[in-house]
Structure formats: structure tokens, C-alpha cells
Amino acid sequence: MQTAKFKFKIKFKDPAHLHYFKGGIFRGAFGYALKKICCIKKHNTCADCKLKNKCVYARIFEPTDFEREHFFYGKIKDTPRPYVFSFDTLDLREYFEADDSFEFNLVLLNEFINNFPFLLYSIISMGEKGLTKKESKFEIEQVKIINHNNQELTIFENHQLSAIVPEYIITHNLTIAATDNHRQFSPHNNILTVKFITPIRIKQDGKLKDDLSFKDVFNACLRRTALLLFYYDNNDYPIVDYQAIREKIENVEKLEDNTNWFDWRRYSTRHNEKMHFGGLIGSIKFNLKNFDITPYVNILKFCELVNIGKNYTFGNGRCSFKL
């Protein structure tokens, strides 16, 4: 599995009033701009379009490969998307003046990395149109690609796009116990700190959880990884022997919980109503003295890039893991 993380720095052309969590706004405007650029026949939906398997918009934003059967997770009703927006910090500013800057990331998977010029043009179009009905226009100052060592390379500046250097595309070995020392994520003690940078939404029995265990977080990482491998890497193999580790992960002790509920809403044009997308932010510390996390380090690092839990494309579920 490969990922590419593109870091955008934008500058507002005029005063902007945005919601305090920007993920919903960016994702919605992104989809609208991409469809306007790509759609030839102007279909209302992609499902009955004969070009859907070749269309950049349909494949990225509205994949129609629903209800595939996964050997472990059963029927998957909603195809995972091959992109996410992510945010390095939870920037709660709602008001921006002209010339104010804002940063966000766009992460792409596998062959969709090659579609970056299309997506860049879509985001340029977003800026020209504006993010809201009250415009909120912006221009892209700079785009950088970030490699596995967090080294940055500028690929777009002064309206000029450079080629993506292959060495800045991250290749993830997601087999268990894969050696990957360059990730700089080796355990020094038994305490794992999980930080939720943006709201994480994990459901159990149809209800959102406001008290997360290690099992909840670990299972969310396994599911996210397994389904992305299933859909975009043609792998249906078990990435873990879950029965062998179930008891151990259920007994991992929570040492400290500094999370709180962060609520936000966005208007959904698809559902024609305002919807809640809140979740937990903050950090939790777990004691791993009876569970060796080392074989699963690459999965955790992968999930730092692709987000976990519900509504990951908006930027929800951005997390970090530190030992």
C-alpha cells in the first residue's frame, strides 16, 4: 500500500467566516468542484453512468462498489474512499481576514496519487469560487509533499506544478512483524499515548462511544487497514490472528484519560439537513506491559495518515501514537 501526503497552504483573498471545524466545508466544496470538472454528462448520480469506472470523480468521491463481502467484517455497505483531508492541529478559528493563511493536508492512496493534478485543479477551482455562499475565496500559496521522515518538498508554488518525486511517496508494509526501522517508532517503554487531534467517532451497537478502551482504538485501526487493503490493494488475507490476541487487547489497562467530547455539525446536501459529527479529542494512556505492540507498529503509523473511525474523509479521527 502506498500513500502520498500533500500539505496545502492557502491564503484568503477576502474576509471569510467558516465553521470552527473546517473538514466538512473543505470536503463538500472539494466534491462539488471535482464533479463540475470531471462530469461530462452531468448525471445526478454516478451509479447509472457508463463512464463511472473511468471517471476521476466517481472513483474517488462516489465509488459504486458497494456491499462487497469481506471474510472477517462481512458485507461492507459503504466503500472506503481513497483519500482523506487531515489537519495537523484543531484550528478553531471561525473568522479570517484577507491575506490570513490556513493549512490542511490531502492524503491519497495507491494509483489515485497519479490523479493529483486533477485534484489540485479542483482545489484551485474551489478557491476561485469560494468555500461558502458568502464566497470565502482563496488562492493556493504552496503545496508540499511529505515523506516518511517528515521531510517536505515543495511541488506547487507561484502557479507552477513540479513532478512528484517517487521517493516522497510512502510505501507501507502492513504485514505483521514487518521490520521497518526507518519509521522511528520503536517502543522504549510499556506506555502507549494515543492522541486524538481531531474528533474520533467510534460506534458500538449503533451508538457512538464516549469512553474508549484500547480494544476500541486497536480494532478501529485493524478495520481501517484491512478494508483499505481489501478495496485498493486486492488483499483479502487476515492481517492479524485476532482470536490469538483478543484476550490480551481486552485486558490492556487504561492509565489516564484526558479526552472530552467535541461537537460540530455540518449541513448535508445529500440528506438536506444539519447533521452532528462530533467525537472525542484529547489523549489516552494505556499500559501495554502484557501486550507486545511491536508487530503492529506499521499499522498504527499507517492509521496516523489515513484517520480512523467514522467520517474520516472530513478529517475526523486524526490520531497519533507514541511509545
Protein backbone atom coordinates (compact mmCIF):
# COMPACT_ATOMS: atom_id res chain seq x y z
CA MET A 1 0.00 0.00 0.00
CA GLN A 2 1.24 3.46 -0.89
CA THR A 3 0.24 6.90 0.38
CA ALA A 4 1.16 10.44 -0.52
CA LYS A 5 0.59 13.30 1.89
CA PHE A 6 0.17 16.72 0.31
CA LYS A 7 0.29 19.75 2.60
CA PHE A 8 -1.60 22.80 1.31
CA LYS A 9 -1.06 26.35 2.45
CA ILE A 10 -3.80 28.71 1.29
CA LYS A 11 -4.29 32.45 1.63
CA PHE A 12 -7.73 34.04 1.78
CA LYS A 13 -8.44 36.76 -0.77
CA ASP A 14 -11.26 38.30 1.24
CA PRO A 15 -12.68 38.03 4.78
CA ALA A 16 -14.06 34.55 5.46
CA HIS A 17 -16.44 33.17 8.06
CA LEU A 18 -16.04 29.41 8.32
CA HIS A 19 -17.26 26.78 10.76
CA TYR A 20 -14.78 26.10 13.57
CA PHE A 21 -14.17 22.59 12.19
CA LYS A 22 -13.21 23.07 8.56
CA GLY A 23 -13.21 19.45 7.40
CA GLY A 24 -16.85 19.36 6.35
CA ILE A 25 -16.56 22.59 4.39
CA PHE A 26 -13.44 21.53 2.51
CA ARG A 27 -14.73 18.06 1.74
CA GLY A 28 -18.07 19.36 0.46
CA ALA A 29 -16.52 22.09 -1.70
CA PHE A 30 -13.93 19.61 -2.98
CA GLY A 31 -16.58 17.16 -4.15
CA TYR A 32 -18.61 19.88 -5.85
CA ALA A 33 -15.57 21.29 -7.69
CA LEU A 34 -14.25 17.88 -8.73
CA LYS A 35 -17.61 16.77 -10.14
CA LYS A 36 -18.01 20.02 -12.07
CA ILE A 37 -14.62 19.49 -13.69
CA CYS A 38 -14.95 15.76 -14.41
CA CYS A 39 -18.62 15.08 -15.17
CA ILE A 40 -19.32 15.06 -18.92
CA LYS A 41 -22.97 14.01 -18.89
CA LYS A 42 -23.96 15.94 -15.74
CA HIS A 43 -25.64 12.92 -14.14
CA ASN A 44 -27.36 13.43 -10.82
CA THR A 45 -25.81 10.20 -9.59
CA CYS A 46 -22.83 8.14 -10.69
CA ALA A 47 -24.40 4.72 -10.25
CA ASP A 48 -26.07 4.60 -13.68
CA CYS A 49 -23.29 6.40 -15.60
CA LYS A 50 -21.44 4.26 -18.14
CA LEU A 51 -18.24 6.21 -17.53
CA LYS A 52 -18.17 5.68 -13.76
CA ASN A 53 -15.29 3.19 -13.84
CA LYS A 54 -13.04 5.69 -15.64
CA CYS A 55 -14.24 8.96 -14.11
CA VAL A 56 -11.85 10.50 -11.56
CA TYR A 57 -14.74 11.99 -9.57
CA ALA A 58 -16.76 8.76 -9.42
CA ARG A 59 -13.80 6.59 -8.45
CA ILE A 60 -12.57 8.94 -5.74
CA PHE A 61 -15.69 10.58 -4.37
CA GLU A 62 -18.60 8.22 -5.12
CA PRO A 63 -17.25 4.71 -5.70
CA THR A 64 -20.12 2.36 -6.51
CA ASP A 65 -18.54 -0.92 -5.44
CA PHE A 66 -20.93 -1.33 -2.53
CA GLU A 67 -21.70 -4.37 -0.39
CA ARG A 68 -18.65 -6.44 -1.14
CA GLU A 69 -18.17 -9.35 1.21
CA HIS A 70 -15.12 -9.28 3.48
CA PHE A 71 -14.16 -12.59 5.06
CA PHE A 72 -13.96 -11.08 8.57
CA TYR A 73 -16.12 -7.92 8.52
CA GLY A 74 -18.93 -9.31 6.36
CA LYS A 75 -20.86 -7.12 3.93
CA ILE A 76 -19.37 -3.66 3.55
CA LYS A 77 -22.18 -1.25 2.77
CA ASP A 78 -20.04 1.78 2.02
CA THR A 79 -16.82 1.62 0.02
CA PRO A 80 -13.93 3.31 1.87
CA ARG A 81 -12.70 6.36 -0.02
CA PRO A 82 -9.11 6.50 -1.33
CA TYR A 83 -8.47 9.96 0.12
CA VAL A 84 -8.77 11.91 3.35
CA PHE A 85 -8.47 15.51 4.39
CA SER A 86 -6.45 15.87 7.57
CA PHE A 87 -5.34 18.64 9.89
CA ASP A 88 -2.15 18.80 11.93
CA THR A 89 -3.91 20.85 14.60
CA LEU A 90 -7.50 21.56 15.55
CA ASP A 91 -7.66 25.16 14.34
CA LEU A 92 -10.91 26.57 15.77
CA ARG A 93 -10.73 29.99 14.15
CA GLU A 94 -14.03 30.98 12.55
CA TYR A 95 -13.08 34.38 11.16
CA PHE A 96 -10.30 35.02 8.69
CA GLU A 97 -9.18 38.34 7.27
CA ALA A 98 -7.87 38.86 3.76
CA ASP A 99 -4.29 37.51 3.49
CA ASP A 100 -4.76 35.18 6.50
CA SER A 101 -3.31 31.71 5.92
CA PHE A 102 -4.69 28.24 6.65
CA GLU A 103 -3.14 24.80 6.22
CA PHE A 104 -4.61 21.35 5.56
CA ASN A 105 -3.46 18.01 4.18
CA LEU A 106 -4.79 15.79 1.42
CA VAL A 107 -3.75 12.12 1.61
CA LEU A 108 -4.14 9.86 -1.43
CA LEU A 109 -3.78 6.10 -1.82
CA ASN A 110 -2.11 3.92 -4.45
CA GLU A 111 -2.98 4.74 -8.09
CA PHE A 112 -5.02 7.76 -7.03
CA ILE A 113 -1.76 9.55 -6.31
CA ASN A 114 -1.41 9.86 -10.10
CA ASN A 115 -4.66 11.88 -10.13
CA PHE A 116 -3.14 14.63 -8.01
CA PRO A 117 -3.03 17.22 -10.85
CA PHE A 118 -6.80 16.77 -11.33
CA LEU A 119 -7.40 17.20 -7.61
CA LEU A 120 -5.08 20.19 -7.40
CA TYR A 121 -7.03 21.87 -10.18
CA SER A 122 -10.25 21.12 -8.28
CA ILE A 123 -8.91 22.84 -5.17
CA ILE A 124 -7.76 25.80 -7.27
CA SER A 125 -11.33 25.95 -8.60
CA MET A 126 -12.66 25.80 -5.02
CA GLY A 127 -10.60 28.85 -4.19
CA GLU A 128 -11.82 30.79 -7.22
CA LYS A 129 -15.48 30.04 -6.44
CA GLY A 130 -15.23 30.34 -2.67
CA LEU A 131 -15.87 27.90 0.13
CA THR A 132 -19.28 29.23 1.17
CA LYS A 133 -22.26 31.13 -0.23
CA LYS A 134 -20.58 34.25 1.11
CA GLU A 135 -17.63 33.42 -1.13
CA SER A 136 -14.57 32.98 1.17
CA LYS A 137 -12.26 32.88 -1.84
CA PHE A 138 -8.64 31.80 -1.51
CA GLU A 139 -5.55 31.01 -3.51
CA ILE A 140 -3.00 28.28 -3.00
CA GLU A 141 0.32 29.68 -1.86
CA GLN A 142 2.18 26.40 -1.71
CA VAL A 143 1.80 22.63 -1.78
CA LYS A 144 4.39 20.32 -0.27
CA ILE A 145 4.67 16.55 -0.32
CA ILE A 146 5.84 14.97 2.94
CA ASN A 147 7.79 11.69 3.13
CA HIS A 148 8.04 9.04 5.84
CA ASN A 149 10.71 11.06 7.70
CA ASN A 150 8.51 14.18 7.67
CA GLN A 151 10.83 15.83 5.16
CA GLU A 152 8.99 18.32 2.96
CA LEU A 153 9.42 19.05 -0.74
CA THR A 154 7.60 21.93 -2.43
CA ILE A 155 5.83 20.76 -5.60
CA PHE A 156 3.48 23.68 -6.28
CA GLU A 157 4.29 27.36 -5.92
CA ASN A 158 3.73 30.50 -7.99
CA HIS A 159 1.13 28.58 -10.04
CA GLN A 160 3.75 26.06 -11.18
CA LEU A 161 3.43 22.31 -10.53
CA SER A 162 6.54 20.15 -10.35
CA ALA A 163 6.67 16.39 -10.82
CA ILE A 164 6.08 14.23 -7.76
CA VAL A 165 9.38 12.72 -6.66
CA PRO A 166 8.83 8.94 -6.18
CA GLU A 167 10.98 8.91 -3.04
CA TYR A 168 8.36 11.07 -1.32
CA ILE A 169 5.62 8.51 -1.85
CA ILE A 170 5.36 6.34 1.26
CA THR A 171 5.26 2.56 0.85
CA HIS A 172 3.66 0.76 3.79
CA ASN A 173 4.48 -2.84 4.62
CA LEU A 174 1.37 -3.83 6.55
CA THR A 175 2.20 -7.44 7.22
CA ILE A 176 2.54 -8.29 10.88
CA ALA A 177 6.05 -8.02 12.36
CA ALA A 178 7.37 -6.35 9.24
CA THR A 179 10.67 -4.69 10.04
CA ASP A 180 10.55 -1.02 9.25
CA ASN A 181 13.15 0.72 11.36
CA HIS A 182 13.12 3.94 9.34
CA ARG A 183 9.69 4.76 10.77
CA GLN A 184 11.38 5.83 14.03
CA PHE A 185 8.65 4.28 16.12
CA SER A 186 10.37 1.74 18.37
CA PRO A 187 8.99 1.07 21.85
CA HIS A 188 11.03 2.46 24.73
CA ASN A 189 8.57 1.60 27.48
CA ASN A 190 5.19 0.00 28.04
CA ILE A 191 3.12 3.20 27.98
CA LEU A 192 1.28 3.99 24.76
CA THR A 193 -0.11 7.52 24.42
CA VAL A 194 -2.86 7.90 21.84
CA LYS A 195 -3.66 11.47 20.91
CA PHE A 196 -6.88 12.34 19.07
CA ILE A 197 -6.07 15.53 17.19
CA THR A 198 -9.49 15.79 15.58
CA PRO A 199 -12.78 14.25 16.82
CA ILE A 200 -12.80 10.47 16.70
CA ARG A 201 -16.13 8.71 16.22
CA ILE A 202 -16.28 5.00 17.06
CA LYS A 203 -19.60 3.19 17.19
CA GLN A 204 -20.61 0.09 19.09
CA ASP A 205 -24.07 -1.45 18.67
CA GLY A 206 -25.10 1.57 16.62
CA LYS A 207 -24.15 4.12 19.31
CA LEU A 208 -21.20 6.47 19.47
CA LYS A 209 -18.77 5.69 22.28
CA ASP A 210 -17.67 8.44 24.67
CA ASP A 211 -15.34 6.18 26.65
CA LEU A 212 -12.71 4.39 24.57
CA SER A 213 -10.74 1.30 25.55
CA PHE A 214 -7.54 0.07 23.94
CA LYS A 215 -9.61 -2.58 22.21
CA ASP A 216 -11.82 0.11 20.63
CA VAL A 217 -8.85 2.05 19.23
CA PHE A 218 -6.86 -1.02 18.14
CA ASN A 219 -9.89 -2.59 16.43
CA ALA A 220 -10.59 0.69 14.59
CA CYS A 221 -7.02 0.63 13.26
CA LEU A 222 -7.29 -3.00 12.18
CA ARG A 223 -10.62 -2.43 10.42
CA ARG A 224 -9.46 0.70 8.63
CA THR A 225 -6.30 -1.01 7.40
CA ALA A 226 -7.98 -4.26 6.40
CA LEU A 227 -10.73 -2.58 4.36
CA LEU A 228 -8.32 -0.29 2.52
CA LEU A 229 -6.17 -3.30 1.65
CA PHE A 230 -9.31 -5.16 0.57
CA TYR A 231 -10.57 -2.45 -1.78
CA TYR A 232 -7.39 -0.81 -3.04
CA ASP A 233 -4.66 -3.45 -2.76
CA ASN A 234 -6.71 -6.54 -3.69
CA ASN A 235 -5.82 -8.22 -0.41
CA ASP A 236 -8.40 -10.24 1.48
CA TYR A 237 -5.97 -12.00 3.80
CA PRO A 238 -6.18 -11.70 7.60
CA ILE A 239 -3.70 -9.08 8.76
CA VAL A 240 -3.81 -10.48 12.31
CA ASP A 241 -4.77 -13.68 14.07
CA TYR A 242 -7.44 -11.88 16.05
CA GLN A 243 -8.51 -14.82 18.18
CA ALA A 244 -4.95 -15.23 19.41
CA ILE A 245 -4.74 -11.67 20.71
CA ARG A 246 -8.36 -10.94 21.68
CA GLU A 247 -7.96 -11.63 25.40
CA LYS A 248 -4.75 -9.62 25.63
CA ILE A 249 -6.14 -6.50 23.97
CA GLU A 250 -9.30 -6.67 26.08
CA ASN A 251 -7.16 -6.64 29.23
CA VAL A 252 -4.96 -3.66 28.35
CA GLU A 253 -5.22 -1.21 31.24
CA LYS A 254 -6.16 2.42 30.72
CA LEU A 255 -3.87 4.56 32.88
CA GLU A 256 -5.07 8.05 32.06
CA ASP A 257 -7.94 9.52 30.07
CA ASN A 258 -7.79 13.19 29.09
CA THR A 259 -10.46 13.16 26.41
CA ASN A 260 -13.55 15.27 26.11
CA TRP A 261 -16.44 15.44 23.66
CA PHE A 262 -16.12 17.97 20.87
CA ASP A 263 -19.34 18.53 18.94
CA TRP A 264 -19.71 20.00 15.48
CA ARG A 265 -22.41 20.00 12.83
CA ARG A 266 -22.48 20.45 9.07
CA TYR A 267 -25.24 20.83 6.54
CA SER A 268 -25.55 17.76 4.33
CA THR A 269 -26.84 18.46 0.84
CA ARG A 270 -27.38 14.73 0.36
CA HIS A 271 -29.63 14.46 3.44
CA ASN A 272 -30.89 18.06 3.24
CA GLU A 273 -30.37 18.65 6.94
CA LYS A 274 -27.80 19.61 9.54
CA MET A 275 -26.01 16.57 10.93
CA HIS A 276 -23.86 16.03 14.02
CA PHE A 277 -20.28 14.85 13.52
CA GLY A 278 -18.81 15.31 16.99
CA GLY A 279 -16.38 12.99 18.70
CA LEU A 280 -13.65 12.68 21.32
CA ILE A 281 -10.49 14.79 21.29
CA GLY A 282 -7.58 14.68 23.71
CA SER A 283 -5.35 11.79 24.76
CA ILE A 284 -5.39 8.41 26.49
CA LYS A 285 -2.51 6.46 28.02
CA PHE A 286 -2.53 2.66 28.01
CA ASN A 287 -0.31 0.18 29.83
CA LEU A 288 1.00 -2.40 27.33
CA LYS A 289 3.09 -4.47 29.71
CA ASN A 290 1.07 -7.59 28.83
CA PHE A 291 0.67 -6.89 25.11
CA ASP A 292 3.55 -6.57 22.65
CA ILE A 293 2.58 -3.79 20.24
CA THR A 294 5.79 -4.05 18.19
CA PRO A 295 4.41 -6.32 15.41
CA TYR A 296 1.59 -3.82 14.79
CA VAL A 297 3.63 -0.63 14.69
CA ASN A 298 3.34 -0.23 10.91
CA ILE A 299 -0.44 -0.45 11.11
CA LEU A 300 -0.52 2.31 13.73
CA LYS A 301 1.75 4.53 11.64
CA PHE A 302 -0.40 3.93 8.57
CA CYS A 303 -3.51 4.94 10.51
CA GLU A 304 -1.86 8.19 11.58
CA LEU A 305 -2.07 9.14 7.90
CA VAL A 306 -5.48 7.77 6.88
CA ASN A 307 -7.54 8.60 10.02
CA ILE A 308 -9.76 6.10 11.85
CA GLY A 309 -13.38 5.82 12.92
CA LYS A 310 -16.40 7.40 11.24
CA ASN A 311 -16.33 10.35 8.81
CA TYR A 312 -12.60 10.08 8.22
CA THR A 313 -12.73 11.91 4.86
CA PHE A 314 -13.74 15.14 6.65
CA GLY A 315 -10.61 14.93 8.77
CA ASN A 316 -12.25 13.24 11.75
CA GLY A 317 -10.18 10.59 13.52
CA ARG A 318 -6.74 12.13 13.02
CA CYS A 319 -4.58 10.48 15.69
CA SER A 320 -1.00 9.87 16.76
CA PHE A 321 0.59 7.01 18.66
CA LYS A 322 3.62 7.46 20.88
CA LEU A 323 5.54 4.96 22.98
